[in-house]
Amino acid sequence: MNIDVTSLQQLFDYWCKKLRIIPCWDVRLEFVDDVSWNKTGDIKIDCDTKKAIVLINRVNPKYENLEEVLVHELFHLKLYPLDQVTESLLSSHYKEGTPEYEFVSDQFFLSLEQTVEELAKCFLLEFGENKELSFKNCQNRKSFNELFDGLKSLK
């Protein structure tokens, strides 16, 4: 995949304004050129200084639409206060490392990830330059029939 860094930076700037990330946060876009990095995007957040770095895999991204990845990562920043409050509530009710803590934490973060993904899709389809969603991550997954056939052995 040939990545146009200038165009992606322009999209990043557009989405930071559209999602009202700036001026509240100082945020920048960086590219990862490490072939062993297996993510398409990620975000590093420092709440104390209200700074964040969005990372995009320039070598082997798993998603075709990097605008979708940008929006997704920026929504993680938008929802970061919810993330922090929930982690505090979890820590105050469950001892970290216990099965209870792990279960509730996994459920919350799964729901958070699904919410971020759904918000990113909605905003991308409404305001995005590239409205095509990435399906590359589905290609290596088992089909419904394969999963169902695997359950037959449980009878």
Protein backbone atom coordinates (compact mmCIF):
# COMPACT_ATOMS: atom_id res chain seq x y z
CA MET A 1 0.00 0.00 0.00
CA ASN A 2 1.39 3.39 -1.01
CA ILE A 3 0.59 5.94 1.69
CA ASP A 4 0.37 9.61 0.78
CA VAL A 5 1.64 11.17 4.01
CA THR A 6 0.60 14.70 3.02
CA SER A 7 -2.99 13.67 2.25
CA LEU A 8 -3.22 11.66 5.45
CA GLN A 9 -1.94 14.63 7.46
CA GLN A 10 -4.62 16.83 5.85
CA LEU A 11 -7.29 14.26 6.75
CA PHE A 12 -5.92 14.10 10.28
CA ASP A 13 -6.15 17.90 10.61
CA TYR A 14 -9.70 17.84 9.18
CA TRP A 15 -10.87 15.17 11.62
CA CYS A 16 -9.22 16.83 14.64
CA LYS A 17 -11.34 19.90 13.89
CA LYS A 18 -14.49 18.00 12.94
CA LEU A 19 -14.42 15.97 16.16
CA ARG A 20 -13.44 19.04 18.21
CA ILE A 21 -10.23 17.41 19.44
CA ILE A 22 -8.36 20.68 19.06
CA PRO A 23 -7.89 23.15 20.75
CA CYS A 24 -8.57 21.07 23.90
CA TRP A 25 -5.80 18.61 23.09
CA ASP A 26 -2.38 18.91 21.53
CA VAL A 27 -2.32 16.00 19.15
CA ARG A 28 -0.04 14.94 16.34
CA LEU A 29 0.19 12.21 13.74
CA GLU A 30 3.24 9.93 13.51
CA PHE A 31 4.04 7.05 11.19
CA VAL A 32 5.47 3.70 12.25
CA ASP A 33 7.93 2.06 9.86
CA ASP A 34 8.58 -1.06 11.97
CA VAL A 35 7.61 -4.20 10.00
CA SER A 36 7.10 -6.13 13.25
CA TRP A 37 4.38 -3.71 14.46
CA ASN A 38 1.16 -5.64 13.85
CA LYS A 39 -1.38 -2.84 14.31
CA THR A 40 -2.70 -0.45 11.69
CA GLY A 41 -3.18 2.37 14.16
CA ASP A 42 -2.88 3.21 17.83
CA ILE A 43 -2.92 6.22 20.13
CA LYS A 44 -0.73 7.28 23.05
CA ILE A 45 -2.37 9.63 25.52
CA ASP A 46 -0.99 11.78 28.34
CA CYS A 47 -3.95 13.17 30.28
CA ASP A 48 -1.79 15.28 32.57
CA THR A 49 -0.52 17.42 29.69
CA LYS A 50 -3.52 16.84 27.36
CA LYS A 51 -1.21 15.57 24.63
CA ALA A 52 -1.70 12.61 22.32
CA ILE A 53 0.06 10.94 19.42
CA VAL A 54 -1.86 8.98 16.79
CA LEU A 55 0.30 6.26 15.26
CA ILE A 56 -0.30 4.87 11.77
CA ASN A 57 1.45 1.83 10.35
CA ARG A 58 3.12 2.96 7.15
CA VAL A 59 4.71 -0.43 6.31
CA ASN A 60 1.98 -3.07 6.50
CA PRO A 61 -1.41 -1.69 7.58
CA LYS A 62 -4.20 -4.24 7.98
CA TYR A 63 -6.90 -1.78 6.89
CA GLU A 64 -7.28 -0.37 3.39
CA ASN A 65 -8.93 2.89 4.46
CA LEU A 66 -6.53 4.79 6.72
CA GLU A 67 -9.02 7.62 7.13
CA GLU A 68 -11.22 5.09 8.91
CA VAL A 69 -8.29 4.24 11.21
CA LEU A 70 -7.63 7.93 11.95
CA VAL A 71 -11.25 8.54 12.92
CA HIS A 72 -11.27 5.39 15.04
CA GLU A 73 -8.16 6.42 16.99
CA LEU A 74 -9.43 9.98 17.47
CA PHE A 75 -12.68 8.62 18.93
CA HIS A 76 -10.58 6.74 21.48
CA LEU A 77 -9.23 10.14 22.50
CA LYS A 78 -12.75 11.63 22.65
CA LEU A 79 -13.93 8.79 24.87
CA TYR A 80 -10.81 8.66 27.02
CA PRO A 81 -12.48 10.31 30.06
CA LEU A 82 -15.09 7.51 30.03
CA ASP A 83 -12.28 4.97 29.84
CA GLN A 84 -10.55 6.51 32.87
CA VAL A 85 -13.71 6.80 34.99
CA THR A 86 -14.61 3.19 34.27
CA GLU A 87 -11.13 1.96 35.15
CA SER A 88 -11.34 3.87 38.45
CA LEU A 89 -14.73 2.33 39.22
CA LEU A 90 -13.43 -1.14 38.37
CA SER A 91 -10.39 -0.69 40.59
CA SER A 92 -12.49 0.53 43.50
CA HIS A 93 -14.90 -2.44 43.32
CA TYR A 94 -12.68 -5.33 42.22
CA LYS A 95 -9.15 -6.31 43.07
CA GLU A 96 -6.97 -6.05 39.96
CA GLY A 97 -5.93 -9.45 38.64
CA THR A 98 -8.96 -11.31 40.02
CA PRO A 99 -11.29 -13.19 37.67
CA GLU A 100 -14.08 -10.73 38.51
CA TYR A 101 -11.95 -7.74 37.61
CA GLU A 102 -10.75 -9.35 34.39
CA PHE A 103 -14.29 -10.29 33.34
CA VAL A 104 -15.79 -6.84 33.94
CA SER A 105 -12.77 -5.12 32.41
CA ASP A 106 -12.91 -7.31 29.29
CA GLN A 107 -16.64 -6.65 28.90
CA PHE A 108 -16.19 -2.89 29.25
CA PHE A 109 -13.28 -2.66 26.82
CA LEU A 110 -15.03 -4.86 24.28
CA SER A 111 -18.10 -2.59 24.49
CA LEU A 112 -15.91 0.51 24.28
CA GLU A 113 -14.11 -0.82 21.19
CA GLN A 114 -17.41 -1.68 19.50
CA THR A 115 -18.78 1.79 20.32
CA VAL A 116 -15.67 3.50 18.96
CA GLU A 117 -15.87 1.42 15.79
CA GLU A 118 -19.56 2.20 15.31
CA LEU A 119 -19.03 5.95 15.87
CA ALA A 120 -16.10 5.96 13.47
CA LYS A 121 -18.19 4.26 10.77
CA CYS A 122 -21.10 6.69 11.25
CA PHE A 123 -18.91 9.78 11.06
CA LEU A 124 -16.89 8.38 8.17
CA LEU A 125 -20.02 7.63 6.15
CA GLU A 126 -21.43 11.09 6.88
CA PHE A 127 -18.33 13.29 6.62
CA GLY A 128 -15.50 11.15 5.24
CA GLU A 129 -13.54 11.67 2.07
CA ASN A 130 -13.22 7.90 1.61
CA LYS A 131 -16.50 6.26 2.63
CA GLU A 132 -15.34 2.72 1.82
CA LEU A 133 -15.04 0.62 4.97
CA SER A 134 -12.09 -1.73 5.43
CA PHE A 135 -12.89 -5.43 5.37
CA LYS A 136 -9.34 -6.77 5.18
CA ASN A 137 -9.46 -7.85 8.84
CA CYS A 138 -12.43 -10.15 8.05
CA GLN A 139 -10.60 -12.11 5.36
CA ASN A 140 -8.68 -14.37 7.77
CA ARG A 141 -11.68 -15.06 10.02
CA LYS A 142 -13.65 -18.28 9.92
CA SER A 143 -17.00 -18.20 8.16
CA PHE A 144 -20.24 -18.70 10.08
CA ASN A 145 -20.53 -22.22 8.64
CA GLU A 146 -17.01 -23.12 9.78
CA LEU A 147 -17.79 -21.88 13.29
CA PHE A 148 -21.13 -23.70 13.34
CA ASP A 149 -19.54 -26.94 12.12
CA GLY A 150 -17.06 -26.68 14.97
CA LEU A 151 -19.94 -26.60 17.47
CA LYS A 152 -21.42 -29.85 16.10
CA SER A 153 -18.70 -31.85 17.85
CA LEU A 154 -19.99 -30.61 21.22
CA LYS A 155 -23.16 -32.75 20.97
